[in-house]
Amino acid sequence: QVQLVESGGGLVQAGGSLRLSCAASGSIFSINAMGWYSQAPGKSRELVALIKRATVINYADSVRGRFTISMDTAQNTVILQMDSLKPEDTAKYYCYADVTTDWGGRRRGDYWGNGTLVTVSS
């Protein structure tokens, strides 16, 4: 019912920047929250940044001051601008959305993208 399509991962040197984008589509009534999680090899998935109701923003301590999350509510798109990247930022980044759908009734659920790989070389 909801598809999340991510783009923007890649390989970058330490100190560089990347911009991740995620577009949500489908039977969307409203987006309650949208953001990014990361999962490094052998580790659990962790919150990177999240926007709730397009206004409240949460960042992981490890990225605060380096990463900036923003949302285009008209396009149902969330952007993660990643600056001053460090090798420890290397992970697969997953787009997340908390969405109320309107298809045969309204339902709220969590949706995930397939992930995009970010590799930061030292």
N, C-alpha and C. Protein backbone atom coordinates (compact mmCIF):
# COMPACT_ATOMS: atom_id res chain seq x y z
N GLN A 1 0.82 -1.21 0.00
CA GLN A 1 0.00 0.00 0.00
C GLN A 1 0.85 1.25 0.00
N VAL A 2 2.03 1.17 0.61
CA VAL A 2 2.96 2.29 0.62
C VAL A 2 4.32 1.81 0.15
N GLN A 3 4.89 2.53 -0.78
CA GLN A 3 6.23 2.21 -1.27
C GLN A 3 7.18 3.35 -0.90
N LEU A 4 8.36 2.98 -0.45
CA LEU A 4 9.40 3.95 -0.14
C LEU A 4 10.58 3.68 -1.07
N VAL A 5 10.95 4.69 -1.83
CA VAL A 5 12.04 4.54 -2.79
C VAL A 5 13.18 5.47 -2.38
N GLU A 6 14.33 4.87 -2.10
CA GLU A 6 15.50 5.61 -1.62
C GLU A 6 16.49 5.83 -2.75
N SER A 7 17.27 6.89 -2.61
CA SER A 7 18.35 7.14 -3.55
C SER A 7 19.42 7.97 -2.85
N GLY A 8 20.63 7.94 -3.41
CA GLY A 8 21.67 8.84 -2.95
C GLY A 8 22.83 8.23 -2.20
N GLY A 9 22.82 6.93 -1.96
CA GLY A 9 23.96 6.33 -1.27
C GLY A 9 25.18 6.28 -2.17
N GLY A 10 26.30 5.81 -1.61
CA GLY A 10 27.51 5.69 -2.40
C GLY A 10 28.75 5.67 -1.55
N LEU A 11 29.88 5.84 -2.22
CA LEU A 11 31.19 5.83 -1.58
C LEU A 11 31.73 7.25 -1.53
N VAL A 12 32.22 7.64 -0.35
CA VAL A 12 32.74 8.99 -0.18
C VAL A 12 33.92 8.92 0.79
N GLN A 13 34.83 9.86 0.65
CA GLN A 13 35.95 9.93 1.59
C GLN A 13 35.53 10.60 2.88
N ALA A 14 36.22 10.29 3.94
CA ALA A 14 35.96 10.93 5.22
C ALA A 14 36.03 12.45 5.07
N GLY A 15 35.05 13.13 5.69
CA GLY A 15 34.95 14.57 5.57
C GLY A 15 34.04 15.03 4.45
N GLY A 16 33.66 14.11 3.60
CA GLY A 16 32.79 14.43 2.48
C GLY A 16 31.32 14.45 2.85
N SER A 17 30.50 14.61 1.82
CA SER A 17 29.04 14.74 2.02
C SER A 17 28.29 13.81 1.07
N LEU A 18 27.13 13.41 1.52
CA LEU A 18 26.17 12.68 0.69
C LEU A 18 24.78 13.18 1.03
N ARG A 19 23.88 13.02 0.08
CA ARG A 19 22.49 13.43 0.27
C ARG A 19 21.61 12.24 -0.06
N LEU A 20 20.86 11.78 0.94
CA LEU A 20 19.91 10.68 0.74
C LEU A 20 18.51 11.24 0.57
N SER A 21 17.76 10.61 -0.32
CA SER A 21 16.39 11.03 -0.56
C SER A 21 15.49 9.81 -0.51
N CYS A 22 14.27 10.01 -0.01
CA CYS A 22 13.30 8.93 0.05
C CYS A 22 11.92 9.49 -0.27
N ALA A 23 11.28 8.89 -1.26
CA ALA A 23 9.95 9.32 -1.67
C ALA A 23 8.93 8.24 -1.34
N ALA A 24 7.85 8.65 -0.70
CA ALA A 24 6.77 7.74 -0.35
C ALA A 24 5.63 7.89 -1.35
N SER A 25 5.06 6.76 -1.73
CA SER A 25 3.91 6.79 -2.64
C SER A 25 2.95 5.67 -2.28
N GLY A 26 1.73 5.78 -2.77
CA GLY A 26 0.71 4.77 -2.48
C GLY A 26 -0.55 5.41 -1.93
N SER A 27 -1.31 4.63 -1.21
CA SER A 27 -2.60 5.09 -0.67
C SER A 27 -2.38 5.84 0.65
N ILE A 28 -1.75 6.99 0.57
CA ILE A 28 -1.36 7.74 1.76
C ILE A 28 -2.44 8.74 2.14
N PHE A 29 -2.94 8.61 3.36
CA PHE A 29 -3.83 9.63 3.91
C PHE A 29 -3.02 10.71 4.62
N SER A 30 -2.08 10.26 5.46
CA SER A 30 -1.19 11.20 6.14
C SER A 30 0.10 10.50 6.54
N ILE A 31 1.18 11.30 6.59
CA ILE A 31 2.46 10.78 7.08
C ILE A 31 2.68 11.32 8.47
N ASN A 32 2.74 10.44 9.45
CA ASN A 32 2.89 10.84 10.84
C ASN A 32 4.34 11.08 11.22
N ALA A 33 5.23 10.33 10.62
CA ALA A 33 6.67 10.50 10.84
C ALA A 33 7.41 9.89 9.66
N MET A 34 8.60 10.43 9.42
CA MET A 34 9.41 9.92 8.31
C MET A 34 10.87 10.17 8.67
N GLY A 35 11.73 9.22 8.33
CA GLY A 35 13.12 9.43 8.70
C GLY A 35 14.03 8.33 8.22
N TRP A 36 15.18 8.22 8.88
CA TRP A 36 16.24 7.31 8.46
C TRP A 36 16.80 6.54 9.64
N TYR A 37 17.04 5.26 9.40
CA TYR A 37 17.74 4.38 10.33
C TYR A 37 18.97 3.83 9.61
N SER A 38 19.97 3.43 10.38
CA SER A 38 21.16 2.83 9.79
C SER A 38 21.44 1.48 10.45
N GLN A 39 22.06 0.61 9.67
CA GLN A 39 22.45 -0.69 10.19
C GLN A 39 23.83 -1.04 9.64
N ALA A 40 24.80 -1.07 10.53
CA ALA A 40 26.16 -1.47 10.16
C ALA A 40 26.27 -2.99 10.25
N PRO A 41 27.22 -3.58 9.54
CA PRO A 41 27.38 -5.04 9.59
C PRO A 41 27.55 -5.54 11.02
N GLY A 42 26.74 -6.54 11.37
CA GLY A 42 26.84 -7.14 12.69
C GLY A 42 26.18 -6.36 13.81
N LYS A 43 25.52 -5.26 13.44
CA LYS A 43 24.88 -4.43 14.46
C LYS A 43 23.39 -4.33 14.20
N SER A 44 22.65 -3.87 15.20
CA SER A 44 21.21 -3.70 15.06
C SER A 44 20.91 -2.37 14.38
N ARG A 45 19.70 -2.27 13.88
CA ARG A 45 19.28 -1.05 13.20
C ARG A 45 19.07 0.06 14.24
N GLU A 46 19.57 1.26 13.92
CA GLU A 46 19.52 2.37 14.86
C GLU A 46 18.95 3.61 14.20
N LEU A 47 18.28 4.42 15.02
CA LEU A 47 17.75 5.69 14.54
C LEU A 47 18.89 6.64 14.17
N VAL A 48 18.75 7.28 13.02
CA VAL A 48 19.67 8.34 12.62
C VAL A 48 18.99 9.70 12.80
N ALA A 49 17.83 9.85 12.17
CA ALA A 49 17.10 11.11 12.25
C ALA A 49 15.64 10.85 11.89
N LEU A 50 14.74 11.60 12.54
CA LEU A 50 13.32 11.39 12.35
C LEU A 50 12.58 12.71 12.43
N ILE A 51 11.62 12.91 11.53
CA ILE A 51 10.73 14.07 11.60
C ILE A 51 9.34 13.56 11.92
N LYS A 52 8.72 14.13 12.96
CA LYS A 52 7.35 13.77 13.34
C LYS A 52 6.43 14.93 13.00
N ARG A 53 5.33 14.61 12.32
CA ARG A 53 4.33 15.63 11.96
C ARG A 53 4.98 16.82 11.26
N ALA A 54 6.07 16.54 10.56
CA ALA A 54 6.79 17.53 9.74
C ALA A 54 7.41 18.65 10.57
N THR A 55 7.43 18.54 11.89
CA THR A 55 7.96 19.62 12.70
C THR A 55 8.93 19.17 13.78
N VAL A 56 8.68 18.09 14.46
CA VAL A 56 9.53 17.65 15.56
C VAL A 56 10.63 16.77 15.00
N ILE A 57 11.87 17.11 15.30
CA ILE A 57 13.02 16.40 14.74
C ILE A 57 13.86 15.78 15.85
N ASN A 58 14.21 14.52 15.66
CA ASN A 58 15.10 13.82 16.57
C ASN A 58 16.34 13.37 15.79
N TYR A 59 17.50 13.54 16.39
CA TYR A 59 18.75 13.07 15.82
C TYR A 59 19.46 12.14 16.80
N ALA A 60 20.16 11.16 16.27
CA ALA A 60 21.07 10.38 17.10
C ALA A 60 22.21 11.30 17.54
N ASP A 61 22.70 11.08 18.75
CA ASP A 61 23.78 11.93 19.26
C ASP A 61 25.00 11.90 18.34
N SER A 62 25.22 10.77 17.71
CA SER A 62 26.43 10.59 16.89
C SER A 62 26.41 11.42 15.61
N VAL A 63 25.22 11.88 15.20
CA VAL A 63 25.13 12.63 13.93
C VAL A 63 24.70 14.08 14.13
N ARG A 64 24.28 14.42 15.34
CA ARG A 64 23.79 15.78 15.58
C ARG A 64 24.89 16.79 15.25
N GLY A 65 24.53 17.80 14.48
CA GLY A 65 25.49 18.82 14.06
C GLY A 65 26.16 18.51 12.73
N ARG A 66 26.06 17.26 12.27
CA ARG A 66 26.65 16.87 10.99
C ARG A 66 25.59 16.52 9.94
N PHE A 67 24.50 15.94 10.38
CA PHE A 67 23.43 15.53 9.47
C PHE A 67 22.24 16.47 9.66
N THR A 68 21.51 16.70 8.56
CA THR A 68 20.31 17.52 8.61
C THR A 68 19.20 16.80 7.88
N ILE A 69 18.06 16.65 8.56
CA ILE A 69 16.90 16.01 7.95
C ILE A 69 15.88 17.08 7.60
N SER A 70 15.24 16.90 6.46
CA SER A 70 14.19 17.83 6.06
C SER A 70 13.11 17.05 5.32
N MET A 71 11.94 17.66 5.22
CA MET A 71 10.83 16.95 4.58
C MET A 71 10.06 17.89 3.67
N ASP A 72 9.74 17.39 2.50
CA ASP A 72 8.85 18.08 1.57
C ASP A 72 7.49 17.39 1.67
N THR A 73 6.59 18.01 2.42
CA THR A 73 5.31 17.35 2.68
C THR A 73 4.46 17.24 1.41
N ALA A 74 4.62 18.18 0.50
CA ALA A 74 3.83 18.14 -0.74
C ALA A 74 4.24 16.95 -1.61
N GLN A 75 5.53 16.58 -1.54
CA GLN A 75 6.05 15.49 -2.35
C GLN A 75 6.20 14.20 -1.55
N ASN A 76 5.84 14.23 -0.27
CA ASN A 76 6.02 13.05 0.60
C ASN A 76 7.45 12.52 0.52
N THR A 77 8.39 13.45 0.60
CA THR A 77 9.80 13.11 0.46
C THR A 77 10.59 13.58 1.67
N VAL A 78 11.51 12.75 2.12
CA VAL A 78 12.39 13.12 3.21
C VAL A 78 13.83 13.09 2.70
N ILE A 79 14.60 14.09 3.10
CA ILE A 79 15.98 14.24 2.66
C ILE A 79 16.89 14.17 3.88
N LEU A 80 18.01 13.47 3.74
CA LEU A 80 19.03 13.46 4.78
C LEU A 80 20.31 13.99 4.18
N GLN A 81 20.70 15.19 4.58
CA GLN A 81 21.96 15.78 4.15
C GLN A 81 23.03 15.35 5.16
N MET A 82 24.03 14.64 4.67
CA MET A 82 25.06 14.06 5.53
C MET A 82 26.38 14.78 5.23
N ASP A 83 26.85 15.56 6.17
CA ASP A 83 28.11 16.30 6.02
C ASP A 83 29.14 15.79 7.02
N SER A 84 30.39 16.13 6.76
CA SER A 84 31.49 15.73 7.66
C SER A 84 31.43 14.24 7.98
N LEU A 85 31.25 13.45 6.94
CA LEU A 85 31.09 12.00 7.13
C LEU A 85 32.34 11.37 7.72
N LYS A 86 32.12 10.36 8.55
CA LYS A 86 33.19 9.62 9.21
C LYS A 86 33.12 8.15 8.80
N PRO A 87 34.24 7.44 8.87
CA PRO A 87 34.19 6.01 8.54
C PRO A 87 33.17 5.25 9.36
N GLU A 88 32.94 5.67 10.60
CA GLU A 88 31.96 4.97 11.43
C GLU A 88 30.51 5.22 11.00
N ASP A 89 30.30 6.11 10.05
CA ASP A 89 28.97 6.31 9.48
C ASP A 89 28.65 5.24 8.43
N THR A 90 29.63 4.44 8.06
CA THR A 90 29.42 3.39 7.05
C THR A 90 28.35 2.42 7.52
N ALA A 91 27.31 2.27 6.70
CA ALA A 91 26.17 1.42 7.05
C ALA A 91 25.21 1.40 5.87
N LYS A 92 24.22 0.54 6.00
CA LYS A 92 23.08 0.60 5.08
C LYS A 92 22.04 1.49 5.75
N TYR A 93 21.55 2.46 5.00
CA TYR A 93 20.59 3.42 5.53
C TYR A 93 19.20 3.10 4.99
N TYR A 94 18.26 2.98 5.91
CA TYR A 94 16.89 2.61 5.57
C TYR A 94 15.95 3.77 5.80
N CYS A 95 15.12 4.03 4.81
CA CYS A 95 14.06 5.02 4.98
C CYS A 95 12.91 4.37 5.76
N TYR A 96 12.32 5.15 6.64
CA TYR A 96 11.20 4.68 7.48
C TYR A 96 10.06 5.68 7.39
N ALA A 97 8.84 5.17 7.40
CA ALA A 97 7.69 6.05 7.43
C ALA A 97 6.58 5.44 8.28
N ASP A 98 5.98 6.26 9.09
CA ASP A 98 4.78 5.93 9.89
C ASP A 98 3.63 6.59 9.15
N VAL A 99 2.80 5.77 8.52
CA VAL A 99 1.83 6.29 7.57
C VAL A 99 0.42 5.81 7.92
N THR A 100 -0.52 6.72 7.82
CA THR A 100 -1.93 6.34 7.85
C THR A 100 -2.38 6.23 6.40
N THR A 101 -2.83 5.03 6.02
CA THR A 101 -3.31 4.81 4.66
C THR A 101 -4.82 4.92 4.62
N ASP A 102 -5.32 5.11 3.42
CA ASP A 102 -6.76 5.26 3.22
C ASP A 102 -7.16 4.40 2.03
N TRP A 103 -7.24 3.13 2.28
CA TRP A 103 -7.58 2.17 1.21
C TRP A 103 -8.45 1.10 1.81
N GLY A 104 -9.77 1.22 1.61
CA GLY A 104 -10.68 0.30 2.28
C GLY A 104 -10.75 0.58 3.76
N GLY A 105 -10.57 1.84 4.14
CA GLY A 105 -10.54 2.23 5.55
C GLY A 105 -9.17 2.75 5.92
N ARG A 106 -9.13 3.50 6.99
CA ARG A 106 -7.85 4.09 7.40
C ARG A 106 -7.12 3.16 8.35
N ARG A 107 -5.85 2.95 8.07
CA ARG A 107 -5.01 2.10 8.90
C ARG A 107 -3.65 2.77 9.05
N ARG A 108 -3.05 2.60 10.20
CA ARG A 108 -1.73 3.17 10.46
C ARG A 108 -0.72 2.05 10.54
N GLY A 109 0.41 2.27 9.88
CA GLY A 109 1.43 1.24 9.90
C GLY A 109 2.82 1.78 9.67
N ASP A 110 3.82 0.94 9.91
CA ASP A 110 5.22 1.27 9.69
C ASP A 110 5.68 0.67 8.37
N TYR A 111 6.43 1.46 7.62
CA TYR A 111 6.91 1.02 6.32
C TYR A 111 8.41 1.29 6.22
N TRP A 112 9.09 0.41 5.47
CA TRP A 112 10.54 0.51 5.32
C TRP A 112 10.92 0.44 3.84
N GLY A 113 11.96 1.19 3.49
CA GLY A 113 12.56 1.05 2.18
C GLY A 113 13.53 -0.13 2.18
N ASN A 114 14.10 -0.40 1.01
CA ASN A 114 15.03 -1.53 0.87
C ASN A 114 16.44 -1.20 1.36
N GLY A 115 16.71 0.09 1.56
CA GLY A 115 18.02 0.48 2.06
C GLY A 115 18.95 0.94 0.96
N THR A 116 19.84 1.86 1.32
CA THR A 116 20.87 2.32 0.40
C THR A 116 22.20 2.34 1.16
N LEU A 117 23.24 1.86 0.51
CA LEU A 117 24.52 1.68 1.19
C LEU A 117 25.35 2.96 1.16
N VAL A 118 25.85 3.32 2.32
CA VAL A 118 26.76 4.46 2.45
C VAL A 118 28.10 3.93 2.96
N THR A 119 29.14 4.18 2.21
CA THR A 119 30.48 3.74 2.60
C THR A 119 31.40 4.95 2.68
N VAL A 120 32.02 5.13 3.84
CA VAL A 120 32.92 6.26 4.05
C VAL A 120 34.33 5.71 4.25
N SER A 121 35.22 6.08 3.35
CA SER A 121 36.60 5.59 3.43
C SER A 121 37.47 6.56 4.23
N SER A 122 38.46 6.01 4.90
CA SER A 122 39.34 6.86 5.73
C SER A 122 40.52 7.39 4.93
